[in-house]
Amino acid sequence: NLTQATDKRGIVQAYREQGPFLHSALALLGPPDLIKLVEDEGVPTKREETGKIFPASDRALDVLKAFLQRFQRSGATLALEQCVERIERDGEQFVVVANGKTLRAASVLVTSGGKSYPGCGTTGDGYVWAESLGHRIITPRPALVPITTNEAWVLKLSGLTLPDIVLELTLDGRELQ
């Protein structure tokens, strides 16, 4: 889902004690702003009974295409599959060393993910870079954990949303911790 059918305050309240962290981001782009941005790129949205906002097509790829369209018009450079070694400040600029090359930029957006899923390329380096640039790091805690399986029937569940469920895993009659 893109967002919830609420205002900035509703998003902050949903995250309880963690919510205030979102104020600066939401000041720039609140839920209605995000919906308008996506719709302005040609992706209609829909509101489900739960208040979740999805693309009307139910295709995440449509949202990705919308963001890429907007990005291409921004003048920014997208560098994919770059192994960033370090990020440093040099006066008013940032120096990014990636794949042995040095890049300079007026601003840097670090979207490196956490440490939870190394298989998708996230190693936790982003925490080190952010801290070296003066940000305070709050000890990360797991939030969402994927359950993986090789069972074919699970693929049929892709995209299914179940509100307020409890999952209990057992092995040979014993509950797993």
C-alpha atoms as a PDB file:
ATOM      1  CA  ASN A   1       0.000   0.000   0.000  1.00  0.00           C
ATOM      2  CA  LEU A   2       1.081   3.577  -0.664  1.00  0.00           C
ATOM      3  CA  THR A   3      -0.241   5.152   2.518  1.00  0.00           C
ATOM      4  CA  GLN A   4      -3.297   5.357   4.756  1.00  0.00           C
ATOM      5  CA  ALA A   5      -6.421   7.457   4.295  1.00  0.00           C
ATOM      6  CA  THR A   6      -5.477   9.876   7.068  1.00  0.00           C
ATOM      7  CA  ASP A   7      -3.588  13.096   7.602  1.00  0.00           C
ATOM      8  CA  LYS A   8      -0.027  13.613   8.858  1.00  0.00           C
ATOM      9  CA  ARG A   9      -1.175  13.484  12.466  1.00  0.00           C
ATOM     10  CA  GLY A  10      -2.842  10.107  11.911  1.00  0.00           C
ATOM     11  CA  ILE A  11       0.385   8.613  10.542  1.00  0.00           C
ATOM     12  CA  VAL A  12       2.419   9.954  13.473  1.00  0.00           C
ATOM     13  CA  GLN A  13      -0.113   8.598  15.986  1.00  0.00           C
ATOM     14  CA  ALA A  14      -0.105   5.164  14.337  1.00  0.00           C
ATOM     15  CA  TYR A  15       3.611   4.836  15.112  1.00  0.00           C
ATOM     16  CA  ARG A  16       3.026   5.734  18.773  1.00  0.00           C
ATOM     17  CA  GLU A  17       6.282   6.696  20.561  1.00  0.00           C
ATOM     18  CA  GLN A  18       8.270   6.339  17.321  1.00  0.00           C
ATOM     19  CA  GLY A  19       5.918   8.729  15.509  1.00  0.00           C
ATOM     20  CA  PRO A  20       7.634  12.064  16.171  1.00  0.00           C
ATOM     21  CA  PHE A  21      10.547  10.854  14.045  1.00  0.00           C
ATOM     22  CA  LEU A  22       8.264  11.181  11.008  1.00  0.00           C
ATOM     23  CA  HIS A  23       7.349  14.867  11.446  1.00  0.00           C
ATOM     24  CA  SER A  24      10.064  16.262   9.149  1.00  0.00           C
ATOM     25  CA  ALA A  25       9.373  13.770   6.346  1.00  0.00           C
ATOM     26  CA  LEU A  26       5.612  14.243   6.598  1.00  0.00           C
ATOM     27  CA  ALA A  27       6.021  18.032   6.570  1.00  0.00           C
ATOM     28  CA  LEU A  28       7.398  17.651   3.045  1.00  0.00           C
ATOM     29  CA  LEU A  29       5.079  14.910   1.799  1.00  0.00           C
ATOM     30  CA  GLY A  30       1.963  13.913   3.724  1.00  0.00           C
ATOM     31  CA  PRO A  31      -0.490  11.164   2.748  1.00  0.00           C
ATOM     32  CA  PRO A  32      -2.683  13.380   0.509  1.00  0.00           C
ATOM     33  CA  ASP A  33       0.451  14.799  -1.154  1.00  0.00           C
ATOM     34  CA  LEU A  34       1.739  11.290  -1.917  1.00  0.00           C
ATOM     35  CA  ILE A  35      -1.602  10.256  -3.381  1.00  0.00           C
ATOM     36  CA  LYS A  36      -1.658  13.375  -5.588  1.00  0.00           C
ATOM     37  CA  LEU A  37       1.945  12.808  -6.698  1.00  0.00           C
ATOM     38  CA  VAL A  38       1.196   9.237  -7.813  1.00  0.00           C
ATOM     39  CA  GLU A  39      -2.091  10.178  -9.467  1.00  0.00           C
ATOM     40  CA  ASP A  40      -0.430  13.114 -11.275  1.00  0.00           C
ATOM     41  CA  GLU A  41       1.926  10.535 -12.809  1.00  0.00           C
ATOM     42  CA  GLY A  42      -1.061   8.670 -14.250  1.00  0.00           C
ATOM     43  CA  VAL A  43      -1.634   6.037 -11.563  1.00  0.00           C
ATOM     44  CA  PRO A  44      -5.163   6.149 -10.129  1.00  0.00           C
ATOM     45  CA  THR A  45      -5.525   5.007  -6.524  1.00  0.00           C
ATOM     46  CA  LYS A  46      -8.229   3.334  -4.474  1.00  0.00           C
ATOM     47  CA  ARG A  47      -9.085   3.307  -0.778  1.00  0.00           C
ATOM     48  CA  GLU A  48      -9.804  -0.048   0.832  1.00  0.00           C
ATOM     49  CA  GLU A  49     -12.117  -0.575   3.823  1.00  0.00           C
ATOM     50  CA  THR A  50      -9.060  -0.750   6.103  1.00  0.00           C
ATOM     51  CA  GLY A  51      -8.080   2.776   5.018  1.00  0.00           C
ATOM     52  CA  LYS A  52      -5.090   1.556   3.028  1.00  0.00           C
ATOM     53  CA  ILE A  53      -4.459   3.363  -0.247  1.00  0.00           C
ATOM     54  CA  PHE A  54      -3.393   1.139  -3.156  1.00  0.00           C
ATOM     55  CA  PRO A  55      -2.902   1.711  -6.873  1.00  0.00           C
ATOM     56  CA  ALA A  56      -6.260   0.969  -8.521  1.00  0.00           C
ATOM     57  CA  SER A  57      -4.489  -1.622 -10.678  1.00  0.00           C
ATOM     58  CA  ASP A  58      -3.133  -3.441  -7.572  1.00  0.00           C
ATOM     59  CA  ARG A  59       0.224  -3.391  -9.353  1.00  0.00           C
ATOM     60  CA  ALA A  60       3.244  -2.111  -7.420  1.00  0.00           C
ATOM     61  CA  LEU A  61       5.050  -1.913 -10.768  1.00  0.00           C
ATOM     62  CA  ASP A  62       2.735   0.945 -11.792  1.00  0.00           C
ATOM     63  CA  VAL A  63       3.844   2.930  -8.741  1.00  0.00           C
ATOM     64  CA  LEU A  64       7.494   2.198  -9.467  1.00  0.00           C
ATOM     65  CA  LYS A  65       7.052   3.418 -13.046  1.00  0.00           C
ATOM     66  CA  ALA A  66       5.395   6.607 -11.764  1.00  0.00           C
ATOM     67  CA  PHE A  67       8.280   7.316  -9.390  1.00  0.00           C
ATOM     68  CA  LEU A  68      10.835   6.614 -12.133  1.00  0.00           C
ATOM     69  CA  GLN A  69       9.018   8.977 -14.531  1.00  0.00           C
ATOM     70  CA  ARG A  70       9.133  11.732 -11.949  1.00  0.00           C
ATOM     71  CA  PHE A  71      12.745  10.959 -11.077  1.00  0.00           C
ATOM     72  CA  GLN A  72      13.840  11.192 -14.722  1.00  0.00           C
ATOM     73  CA  ARG A  73      12.404  14.721 -14.909  1.00  0.00           C
ATOM     74  CA  SER A  74      14.198  15.761 -11.687  1.00  0.00           C
ATOM     75  CA  GLY A  75      17.671  15.993 -13.189  1.00  0.00           C
ATOM     76  CA  ALA A  76      19.129  13.720 -10.514  1.00  0.00           C
ATOM     77  CA  THR A  77      21.378  10.785 -11.364  1.00  0.00           C
ATOM     78  CA  LEU A  78      20.383   7.250 -10.463  1.00  0.00           C
ATOM     79  CA  ALA A  79      23.372   4.934 -10.033  1.00  0.00           C
ATOM     80  CA  LEU A  80      22.322   1.326  -9.507  1.00  0.00           C
ATOM     81  CA  GLU A  81      24.368  -1.660  -8.384  1.00  0.00           C
ATOM     82  CA  GLN A  82      27.113   0.508  -6.926  1.00  0.00           C
ATOM     83  CA  CYS A  83      29.032  -0.863  -3.967  1.00  0.00           C
ATOM     84  CA  VAL A  84      29.451   2.211  -1.763  1.00  0.00           C
ATOM     85  CA  GLU A  85      32.593   2.017   0.337  1.00  0.00           C
ATOM     86  CA  ARG A  86      32.193   5.259   2.258  1.00  0.00           C
ATOM     87  CA  ILE A  87      30.464   8.640   2.388  1.00  0.00           C
ATOM     88  CA  GLU A  88      32.242  11.698   3.784  1.00  0.00           C
ATOM     89  CA  ARG A  89      31.733  15.453   4.066  1.00  0.00           C
ATOM     90  CA  ASP A  90      34.095  17.821   2.290  1.00  0.00           C
ATOM     91  CA  GLY A  91      32.983  21.322   3.179  1.00  0.00           C
ATOM     92  CA  GLU A  92      29.542  21.848   1.667  1.00  0.00           C
ATOM     93  CA  GLN A  93      29.774  18.712  -0.503  1.00  0.00           C
ATOM     94  CA  PHE A  94      29.567  14.998   0.039  1.00  0.00           C
ATOM     95  CA  VAL A  95      32.190  12.619  -1.261  1.00  0.00           C
ATOM     96  CA  VAL A  96      30.919   9.147  -2.116  1.00  0.00           C
ATOM     97  CA  VAL A  97      33.422   6.409  -2.901  1.00  0.00           C
ATOM     98  CA  ALA A  98      31.739   3.618  -4.865  1.00  0.00           C
ATOM     99  CA  ASN A  99      33.248   0.873  -6.987  1.00  0.00           C
ATOM    100  CA  GLY A 100      36.624   2.585  -6.606  1.00  0.00           C
ATOM    101  CA  LYS A 101      35.311   5.856  -8.089  1.00  0.00           C
ATOM    102  CA  THR A 102      34.943   9.128  -6.221  1.00  0.00           C
ATOM    103  CA  LEU A 103      31.713  11.060  -6.765  1.00  0.00           C
ATOM    104  CA  ARG A 104      30.914  14.527  -5.418  1.00  0.00           C
ATOM    105  CA  ALA A 105      27.398  15.720  -4.674  1.00  0.00           C
ATOM    106  CA  ALA A 106      25.635  18.634  -3.017  1.00  0.00           C
ATOM    107  CA  SER A 107      23.276  16.211  -1.272  1.00  0.00           C
ATOM    108  CA  VAL A 108      23.037  12.477  -0.693  1.00  0.00           C
ATOM    109  CA  LEU A 109      20.029  10.313   0.068  1.00  0.00           C
ATOM    110  CA  VAL A 110      21.061   7.111   1.846  1.00  0.00           C
ATOM    111  CA  THR A 111      18.517   4.324   1.282  1.00  0.00           C
ATOM    112  CA  SER A 112      20.637   1.354   2.182  1.00  0.00           C
ATOM    113  CA  GLY A 113      18.155  -0.614   4.245  1.00  0.00           C
ATOM    114  CA  GLY A 114      19.051  -2.269   7.520  1.00  0.00           C
ATOM    115  CA  LYS A 115      20.975  -5.394   8.426  1.00  0.00           C
ATOM    116  CA  SER A 116      18.074  -7.817   8.488  1.00  0.00           C
ATOM    117  CA  TYR A 117      18.234  -9.329   5.010  1.00  0.00           C
ATOM    118  CA  PRO A 118      21.796  -9.535   3.610  1.00  0.00           C
ATOM    119  CA  GLY A 119      20.515 -11.673   0.717  1.00  0.00           C
ATOM    120  CA  CYS A 120      18.983  -8.555  -0.867  1.00  0.00           C
ATOM    121  CA  GLY A 121      22.163  -6.505  -0.503  1.00  0.00           C
ATOM    122  CA  THR A 122      21.598  -4.747   2.809  1.00  0.00           C
ATOM    123  CA  THR A 123      24.580  -4.974   5.154  1.00  0.00           C
ATOM    124  CA  GLY A 124      23.919  -2.225   7.682  1.00  0.00           C
ATOM    125  CA  ASP A 125      26.615   0.047   6.225  1.00  0.00           C
ATOM    126  CA  GLY A 126      24.082   2.878   6.088  1.00  0.00           C
ATOM    127  CA  TYR A 127      24.155   3.116   9.889  1.00  0.00           C
ATOM    128  CA  VAL A 128      27.933   3.552   9.836  1.00  0.00           C
ATOM    129  CA  TRP A 129      27.761   6.238   7.120  1.00  0.00           C
ATOM    130  CA  ALA A 130      24.963   8.138   8.860  1.00  0.00           C
ATOM    131  CA  GLU A 131      26.799   8.055  12.184  1.00  0.00           C
ATOM    132  CA  SER A 132      30.047   9.239  10.554  1.00  0.00           C
ATOM    133  CA  LEU A 133      28.091  12.218   9.179  1.00  0.00           C
ATOM    134  CA  GLY A 134      26.892  13.175  12.658  1.00  0.00           C
ATOM    135  CA  HIS A 135      23.538  11.400  12.893  1.00  0.00           C
ATOM    136  CA  ARG A 136      22.564   9.676  16.117  1.00  0.00           C
ATOM    137  CA  ILE A 137      21.755   6.004  15.577  1.00  0.00           C
ATOM    138  CA  ILE A 138      19.091   4.395  17.723  1.00  0.00           C
ATOM    139  CA  THR A 139      19.806   0.698  18.192  1.00  0.00           C
ATOM    140  CA  PRO A 140      17.901  -1.069  15.416  1.00  0.00           C
ATOM    141  CA  ARG A 141      15.273  -3.661  16.288  1.00  0.00           C
ATOM    142  CA  PRO A 142      13.602  -6.136  13.956  1.00  0.00           C
ATOM    143  CA  ALA A 143      10.205  -5.097  12.662  1.00  0.00           C
ATOM    144  CA  LEU A 144       9.065  -7.245   9.749  1.00  0.00           C
ATOM    145  CA  VAL A 145      10.499 -10.680   9.240  1.00  0.00           C
ATOM    146  CA  PRO A 146       9.804 -12.644   6.082  1.00  0.00           C
ATOM    147  CA  ILE A 147       8.789 -16.257   6.296  1.00  0.00           C
ATOM    148  CA  THR A 148      10.335 -18.132   3.381  1.00  0.00           C
ATOM    149  CA  THR A 149       9.442 -21.510   1.981  1.00  0.00           C
ATOM    150  CA  ASN A 150       9.871 -23.557  -1.163  1.00  0.00           C
ATOM    151  CA  GLU A 151       6.228 -24.652  -1.121  1.00  0.00           C
ATOM    152  CA  ALA A 152       4.539 -23.773  -4.430  1.00  0.00           C
ATOM    153  CA  TRP A 153       1.093 -23.091  -2.918  1.00  0.00           C
ATOM    154  CA  VAL A 154       2.457 -20.078  -1.043  1.00  0.00           C
ATOM    155  CA  LEU A 155       2.818 -18.168  -4.328  1.00  0.00           C
ATOM    156  CA  LYS A 156      -0.990 -18.146  -4.628  1.00  0.00           C
ATOM    157  CA  LEU A 157      -1.118 -16.003  -1.465  1.00  0.00           C
ATOM    158  CA  SER A 158       0.928 -13.168  -2.985  1.00  0.00           C
ATOM    159  CA  GLY A 159      -0.742  -9.819  -2.350  1.00  0.00           C
ATOM    160  CA  LEU A 160      -3.214 -11.195   0.204  1.00  0.00           C
ATOM    161  CA  THR A 161      -3.771  -8.935   3.218  1.00  0.00           C
ATOM    162  CA  LEU A 162      -5.200 -10.361   6.427  1.00  0.00           C
ATOM    163  CA  PRO A 163      -6.055  -7.897   9.203  1.00  0.00           C
ATOM    164  CA  ASP A 164      -5.292  -8.702  12.843  1.00  0.00           C
ATOM    165  CA  ILE A 165      -4.052 -12.278  12.613  1.00  0.00           C
ATOM    166  CA  VAL A 166      -1.858 -14.349  14.889  1.00  0.00           C
ATOM    167  CA  LEU A 167       0.544 -16.862  13.376  1.00  0.00           C
ATOM    168  CA  GLU A 168       1.647 -19.862  15.375  1.00  0.00           C
ATOM    169  CA  LEU A 169       4.429 -22.079  14.059  1.00  0.00           C
ATOM    170  CA  THR A 170       4.797 -25.653  15.226  1.00  0.00           C
ATOM    171  CA  LEU A 171       7.221 -28.428  14.425  1.00  0.00           C
ATOM    172  CA  ASP A 172       6.271 -31.966  15.361  1.00  0.00           C
ATOM    173  CA  GLY A 173       3.631 -30.624  17.717  1.00  0.00           C
ATOM    174  CA  ARG A 174       6.034 -28.242  19.516  1.00  0.00           C
ATOM    175  CA  GLU A 175       5.502 -24.500  19.336  1.00  0.00           C
ATOM    176  CA  LEU A 176       8.490 -22.702  17.819  1.00  0.00           C
ATOM    177  CA  GLN A 177       9.885 -19.673  19.613  1.00  0.00           C
END
